[in-house]
Amino acid sequence: MRETWFKRARAGVITAAVLALVFGFAPTLYNNSSLLFMMMTYIVLAQGLNLLYGFTGYLPFGYVGFFGTGAYATALLVMKLHLPIALAIAAGPVASMVVAVVLGPLLRLSGAYFSIANLAASQILFIVIGNPNMQDITGGPYGVKIDQVYNPTASYAAMVMLVVGVTLIATFFRRSRFGQGLKAMADDPVSAEMSAIPVVRMRLLAWLTSAAVAGLAGALYAWNLSVFYPDAVFTLEISVFAIVFALFGGVGTVLGPIIGAGLLYALYNAIGISEPQYFQLIYGVLIVGLVMFLPEGILSLLTRRGINVF
């Protein structure tokens, strides 16, 4: 059984290895490591969102809330408790999962109701952390600073490992009975429950895993940046980018979020920073075209031709 699953997961293992090689050696060929780090961050976020939306059908508009929680948990533990950076980073996904447990009742909602409620929850987190009255605890609107642990080389290497890890997690979701059960629940939760699939437990596990991925990405982002403000890690732009990147490539797959984040973030850096007005136009055209002609992402071009997409 293990050998059979390994054969099924082989494409995912190869993909993870290729990503490790590409991003591991990229700084030797391209000196803008900050851009490479952010590209990896969005690959992780798009893949983390894919674990939830691609396999359960729950679209979290407020996904950035988990990212910001992980970033602030790490920063505050370094600032207030002077914990070693490794322990502070480990606390990032834990804090995000705690928030996910608190927000667990939102999973009783569906469709647009869940998306809007999740968005509202992320904005509540942003308002609380950025509140001037919380300055002594969270830094309020003035942000946080952990330059004493600043290490761009080590944080870059850690993000490479996270990209590899989340790719393997997505592979597990794609190839395992657990992932198949999640998709069955998304298609017909009533029939899935009647088939003895533990709907509530599996849905919660996917929710917690997705939150942990975003929280760990936020923790590594805080380590790499070392100085940031609430509106930098709780901006809705992060959620929008993660959603668009995942949808563009194709959710429910392993390659889709990787391709979507890689292509569109490269486009954003080529056009969006220097010519934002043109980038917004191009992005708008891409989104409209995607919804109208490729609702399952660009990888659906291959599936329509009978090519099995991983």
Protein backbone atom coordinates (compact mmCIF):
# COMPACT_ATOMS: atom_id res chain seq x y z
CA MET A 1 0.00 0.00 0.00
CA ARG A 2 2.87 2.36 0.84
CA GLU A 3 4.57 1.61 -2.46
CA THR A 4 1.36 2.30 -4.36
CA TRP A 5 0.88 5.63 -2.62
CA PHE A 6 4.51 6.56 -3.25
CA LYS A 7 4.04 5.92 -6.94
CA ARG A 8 0.99 8.16 -6.91
CA ALA A 9 2.84 10.85 -4.99
CA ARG A 10 6.01 10.64 -7.09
CA ALA A 11 5.05 13.65 -9.22
CA GLY A 12 4.62 15.74 -6.08
CA VAL A 13 7.97 14.66 -4.67
CA ILE A 14 9.66 15.54 -7.96
CA THR A 15 7.88 18.91 -8.03
CA ALA A 16 9.03 19.68 -4.48
CA ALA A 17 12.61 18.73 -5.38
CA VAL A 18 12.55 20.95 -8.48
CA LEU A 19 11.26 23.89 -6.42
CA ALA A 20 14.02 23.36 -3.87
CA LEU A 21 16.66 23.38 -6.60
CA VAL A 22 15.20 26.37 -8.44
CA PHE A 23 14.82 28.62 -5.42
CA GLY A 24 17.92 27.24 -3.74
CA PHE A 25 20.19 28.25 -6.60
CA ALA A 26 18.22 31.25 -7.90
CA PRO A 27 20.04 33.80 -5.67
CA THR A 28 23.32 32.88 -7.37
CA LEU A 29 21.85 33.87 -10.74
CA TYR A 30 19.48 36.66 -9.70
CA ASN A 31 20.55 39.03 -6.94
CA ASN A 32 17.09 40.25 -5.92
CA SER A 33 16.49 37.75 -3.13
CA SER A 34 13.62 39.86 -1.72
CA LEU A 35 11.61 39.31 -4.90
CA LEU A 36 12.36 35.58 -4.81
CA PHE A 37 11.36 35.43 -1.14
CA MET A 38 8.02 37.15 -1.84
CA MET A 39 7.36 34.86 -4.81
CA MET A 40 7.86 31.85 -2.53
CA THR A 41 5.63 33.47 0.08
CA TYR A 42 2.79 33.79 -2.42
CA ILE A 43 3.32 30.24 -3.68
CA VAL A 44 2.91 29.06 -0.09
CA LEU A 45 -0.17 31.22 0.50
CA ALA A 46 -1.79 30.20 -2.79
CA GLN A 47 -1.11 26.55 -1.99
CA GLY A 48 -2.36 26.95 1.57
CA LEU A 49 -5.57 28.54 0.33
CA ASN A 50 -5.83 25.72 -2.22
CA LEU A 51 -5.80 23.17 0.62
CA LEU A 52 -9.04 24.70 1.86
CA TYR A 53 -10.84 26.01 -1.19
CA GLY A 54 -9.57 23.47 -3.71
CA PHE A 55 -10.60 20.49 -1.59
CA THR A 56 -13.53 21.69 0.53
CA GLY A 57 -15.06 24.54 -1.51
CA TYR A 58 -14.66 27.07 1.33
CA LEU A 59 -13.22 30.32 -0.06
CA PRO A 60 -11.63 32.41 2.75
CA PHE A 61 -11.60 36.06 1.70
CA GLY A 62 -9.93 36.84 5.03
CA TYR A 63 -7.10 34.31 4.63
CA VAL A 64 -4.64 37.12 5.34
CA GLY A 65 -5.80 37.03 8.98
CA PHE A 66 -3.86 33.81 9.56
CA PHE A 67 -0.80 35.25 7.83
CA GLY A 68 -0.86 38.39 9.98
CA THR A 69 -1.46 36.38 13.15
CA GLY A 70 1.61 34.25 12.48
CA ALA A 71 3.74 37.32 11.78
CA TYR A 72 2.67 39.15 14.93
CA ALA A 73 2.89 36.08 17.16
CA THR A 74 6.51 35.59 16.13
CA ALA A 75 7.43 39.25 16.47
CA LEU A 76 5.80 39.73 19.85
CA LEU A 77 7.38 36.62 21.33
CA VAL A 78 10.80 37.87 20.26
CA MET A 79 10.13 41.41 21.52
CA LYS A 80 8.32 40.68 24.76
CA LEU A 81 9.63 37.29 25.89
CA HIS A 82 12.97 37.33 24.05
CA LEU A 83 12.43 33.78 22.82
CA PRO A 84 14.89 32.24 20.36
CA ILE A 85 13.76 32.85 16.81
CA ALA A 86 13.16 29.14 16.15
CA LEU A 87 10.65 28.89 19.02
CA ALA A 88 9.00 32.17 18.04
CA ILE A 89 8.57 30.96 14.46
CA ALA A 90 7.09 27.67 15.68
CA ALA A 91 4.53 29.71 17.64
CA GLY A 92 3.34 31.41 14.44
CA PRO A 93 1.35 28.47 13.03
CA VAL A 94 0.19 27.53 16.53
CA ALA A 95 -1.29 31.01 17.01
CA SER A 96 -2.98 30.82 13.62
CA MET A 97 -4.48 27.43 14.45
CA VAL A 98 -5.79 28.84 17.75
CA VAL A 99 -7.51 31.60 15.77
CA ALA A 100 -8.84 28.96 13.36
CA VAL A 101 -10.31 26.98 16.27
CA VAL A 102 -11.99 30.12 17.61
CA LEU A 103 -13.38 30.80 14.13
CA GLY A 104 -14.35 27.15 13.65
CA PRO A 105 -18.09 27.87 13.91
CA LEU A 106 -17.78 29.80 10.63
CA LEU A 107 -17.54 26.41 8.91
CA ARG A 108 -21.23 26.00 9.60
CA LEU A 109 -21.77 28.68 6.99
CA SER A 110 -21.35 28.08 3.27
CA GLY A 111 -20.69 29.95 0.06
CA ALA A 112 -20.65 33.73 0.20
CA TYR A 113 -21.75 33.74 3.85
CA PHE A 114 -18.57 31.95 4.93
CA SER A 115 -16.36 34.15 2.71
CA ILE A 116 -17.82 37.40 4.05
CA ALA A 117 -17.74 36.25 7.68
CA ASN A 118 -14.12 35.18 7.29
CA LEU A 119 -13.29 38.56 5.76
CA ALA A 120 -14.92 40.34 8.68
CA ALA A 121 -12.95 38.23 11.16
CA SER A 122 -9.65 39.18 9.53
CA GLN A 123 -10.57 42.85 9.69
CA ILE A 124 -11.40 42.52 13.39
CA LEU A 125 -7.92 41.11 13.98
CA PHE A 126 -6.41 44.01 12.05
CA ILE A 127 -8.39 46.60 14.02
CA VAL A 128 -7.51 45.04 17.39
CA ILE A 129 -3.78 44.72 16.67
CA GLY A 130 -3.54 48.16 15.05
CA ASN A 131 -5.50 49.91 17.79
CA PRO A 132 -3.47 52.82 19.29
CA ASN A 133 -4.64 51.74 22.75
CA MET A 134 -2.81 48.44 22.20
CA GLN A 135 0.52 50.15 21.58
CA ASP A 136 2.14 48.77 24.74
CA ILE A 137 1.21 45.21 23.74
CA THR A 138 1.15 44.97 19.95
CA GLY A 139 2.83 48.23 18.97
CA GLY A 140 -0.49 49.51 17.65
CA PRO A 141 -0.33 51.32 14.32
CA TYR A 142 3.39 51.96 14.82
CA GLY A 143 4.32 48.37 14.07
CA VAL A 144 6.96 46.06 15.46
CA LYS A 145 10.72 45.74 15.12
CA ILE A 146 12.77 42.57 15.61
CA ASP A 147 16.00 43.58 13.90
CA GLN A 148 17.97 41.75 16.62
CA VAL A 149 17.12 38.45 14.89
CA TYR A 150 17.30 39.77 11.32
CA ASN A 151 18.84 37.10 9.09
CA PRO A 152 17.77 37.27 5.43
CA THR A 153 19.89 34.28 4.41
CA ALA A 154 18.50 31.91 7.05
CA SER A 155 14.91 33.13 6.58
CA TYR A 156 15.24 32.62 2.82
CA ALA A 157 16.43 29.05 3.34
CA ALA A 158 13.54 28.44 5.76
CA MET A 159 11.06 29.69 3.17
CA VAL A 160 12.52 27.30 0.57
CA MET A 161 11.88 24.44 3.02
CA LEU A 162 8.33 25.69 3.59
CA VAL A 163 7.64 25.74 -0.16
CA VAL A 164 8.84 22.14 -0.33
CA GLY A 165 6.78 21.17 2.70
CA VAL A 166 3.51 22.72 1.54
CA THR A 167 3.97 21.12 -1.90
CA LEU A 168 4.21 17.71 -0.22
CA ILE A 169 1.14 18.48 1.91
CA ALA A 170 -0.80 19.42 -1.23
CA THR A 171 0.39 16.16 -2.80
CA PHE A 172 -0.99 14.26 0.17
CA PHE A 173 -4.32 16.04 -0.19
CA ARG A 174 -4.36 15.30 -3.92
CA ARG A 175 -3.42 11.62 -3.76
CA SER A 176 -4.73 10.32 -0.42
CA ARG A 177 -8.09 9.03 0.69
CA PHE A 178 -8.26 12.03 2.99
CA GLY A 179 -8.19 14.42 0.04
CA GLN A 180 -10.65 12.30 -1.91
CA GLY A 181 -12.96 12.40 1.07
CA LEU A 182 -12.69 16.19 1.23
CA LYS A 183 -13.63 16.48 -2.44
CA ALA A 184 -16.56 14.13 -1.93
CA MET A 185 -17.72 16.37 0.91
CA ALA A 186 -17.41 19.45 -1.28
CA ASP A 187 -19.49 17.83 -4.02
CA ASP A 188 -22.21 16.45 -1.74
CA PRO A 189 -21.71 16.73 2.04
CA VAL A 190 -24.95 14.91 2.86
CA SER A 191 -24.07 11.86 0.78
CA ALA A 192 -20.51 11.93 2.14
CA GLU A 193 -21.79 11.88 5.72
CA MET A 194 -24.15 9.01 4.89
CA SER A 195 -21.12 7.14 3.51
CA ALA A 196 -19.51 7.27 6.98
CA ILE A 197 -17.09 10.07 6.07
CA PRO A 198 -16.42 12.17 9.22
CA VAL A 199 -17.39 15.44 7.55
CA VAL A 200 -16.96 17.80 10.51
CA ARG A 201 -13.61 16.39 11.62
CA MET A 202 -12.09 16.28 8.14
CA ARG A 203 -13.29 19.77 7.30
CA LEU A 204 -11.80 21.08 10.54
CA LEU A 205 -8.47 19.37 9.83
CA ALA A 206 -8.29 21.00 6.39
CA TRP A 207 -9.18 24.36 7.97
CA LEU A 208 -6.45 24.01 10.62
CA THR A 209 -3.84 22.86 8.11
CA SER A 210 -4.59 25.79 5.81
CA ALA A 211 -4.36 28.20 8.76
CA ALA A 212 -1.07 26.70 9.94
CA VAL A 213 0.49 27.09 6.49
CA ALA A 214 -0.45 30.78 6.36
CA GLY A 215 0.71 31.31 9.95
CA LEU A 216 4.12 29.77 9.26
CA ALA A 217 4.46 31.86 6.10
CA GLY A 218 3.69 34.96 8.17
CA ALA A 219 6.24 33.95 10.81
CA LEU A 220 9.00 33.59 8.21
CA TYR A 221 7.93 36.84 6.57
CA ALA A 222 8.29 38.63 9.92
CA TRP A 223 11.76 37.13 10.39
CA ASN A 224 12.85 38.13 6.91
CA LEU A 225 11.46 41.66 7.03
CA SER A 226 12.11 42.33 10.76
CA VAL A 227 10.25 45.67 10.70
CA PHE A 228 6.60 45.86 9.66
CA TYR A 229 3.24 47.47 10.41
CA PRO A 230 -0.27 46.03 10.82
CA ASP A 231 -1.40 47.18 7.38
CA ALA A 232 1.57 45.35 5.81
CA VAL A 233 0.59 41.89 7.09
CA PHE A 234 -3.19 42.31 7.29
CA THR A 235 -3.75 44.06 3.96
CA LEU A 236 -6.52 42.46 1.91
CA GLU A 237 -4.20 42.58 -1.09
CA ILE A 238 -2.51 39.47 0.31
CA SER A 239 -5.79 37.54 0.30
CA VAL A 240 -6.69 38.81 -3.16
CA PHE A 241 -3.31 37.82 -4.58
CA ALA A 242 -3.46 34.36 -3.00
CA ILE A 243 -6.97 33.76 -4.34
CA VAL A 244 -6.23 35.03 -7.85
CA PHE A 245 -2.94 33.12 -8.07
CA ALA A 246 -4.59 29.86 -7.00
CA LEU A 247 -7.60 30.32 -9.31
CA PHE A 248 -5.42 31.32 -12.26
CA GLY A 249 -3.39 28.13 -12.11
CA GLY A 250 -6.22 25.86 -11.03
CA VAL A 251 -7.40 24.85 -7.57
CA GLY A 252 -7.64 21.26 -6.47
CA THR A 253 -4.27 20.56 -8.10
CA VAL A 254 -0.67 20.75 -6.89
CA LEU A 255 0.83 22.53 -9.88
CA GLY A 256 -1.93 25.13 -10.30
CA PRO A 257 -1.08 27.45 -7.38
CA ILE A 258 2.64 27.15 -8.14
CA ILE A 259 2.19 28.14 -11.77
CA GLY A 260 -0.33 30.86 -10.96
CA ALA A 261 1.79 32.48 -8.26
CA GLY A 262 5.00 32.20 -10.27
CA LEU A 263 3.61 33.72 -13.47
CA LEU A 264 1.39 36.42 -12.00
CA TYR A 265 3.80 37.58 -9.32
CA ALA A 266 6.51 37.87 -11.96
CA LEU A 267 4.07 39.92 -14.05
CA TYR A 268 3.28 42.09 -11.03
CA ASN A 269 6.96 42.87 -10.49
CA ALA A 270 7.52 43.54 -14.19
CA ILE A 271 4.57 45.90 -14.61
CA GLY A 272 2.65 46.44 -11.38
CA ILE A 273 5.27 48.39 -9.46
CA SER A 274 6.45 50.76 -12.19
CA GLU A 275 3.16 51.02 -14.12
CA PRO A 276 0.38 50.16 -11.65
CA GLN A 277 -2.40 51.56 -13.83
CA TYR A 278 -1.52 49.20 -16.69
CA PHE A 279 -1.08 46.30 -14.32
CA GLN A 280 -4.56 46.82 -12.86
CA LEU A 281 -6.00 46.84 -16.38
CA ILE A 282 -4.14 43.66 -17.32
CA TYR A 283 -5.12 41.99 -14.06
CA GLY A 284 -8.75 42.93 -14.58
CA VAL A 285 -8.75 41.51 -18.11
CA LEU A 286 -7.09 38.32 -16.87
CA ILE A 287 -9.65 37.83 -14.09
CA VAL A 288 -12.63 38.47 -16.37
CA GLY A 289 -11.20 36.15 -19.01
CA LEU A 290 -10.49 33.51 -16.41
CA VAL A 291 -14.02 33.57 -15.03
CA MET A 292 -15.61 33.53 -18.48
CA PHE A 293 -13.43 31.05 -20.35
CA LEU A 294 -11.23 29.16 -17.86
CA PRO A 295 -13.09 28.90 -14.55
CA GLU A 296 -10.94 25.89 -13.59
CA GLY A 297 -7.65 27.69 -14.31
CA ILE A 298 -5.12 27.50 -17.10
CA LEU A 299 -4.34 23.87 -16.32
CA SER A 300 -7.85 23.02 -17.55
CA LEU A 301 -6.45 23.63 -21.05
CA LEU A 302 -4.50 20.42 -20.58
CA THR A 303 -7.32 18.40 -19.03
CA ARG A 304 -9.58 19.30 -21.94
CA ARG A 305 -7.06 17.54 -24.18
CA GLY A 306 -7.08 14.44 -22.03
CA ILE A 307 -3.80 15.20 -20.28
CA ASN A 308 -3.78 14.15 -16.64
CA VAL A 309 -2.88 17.21 -14.55
CA PHE A 310 -1.23 16.73 -11.20
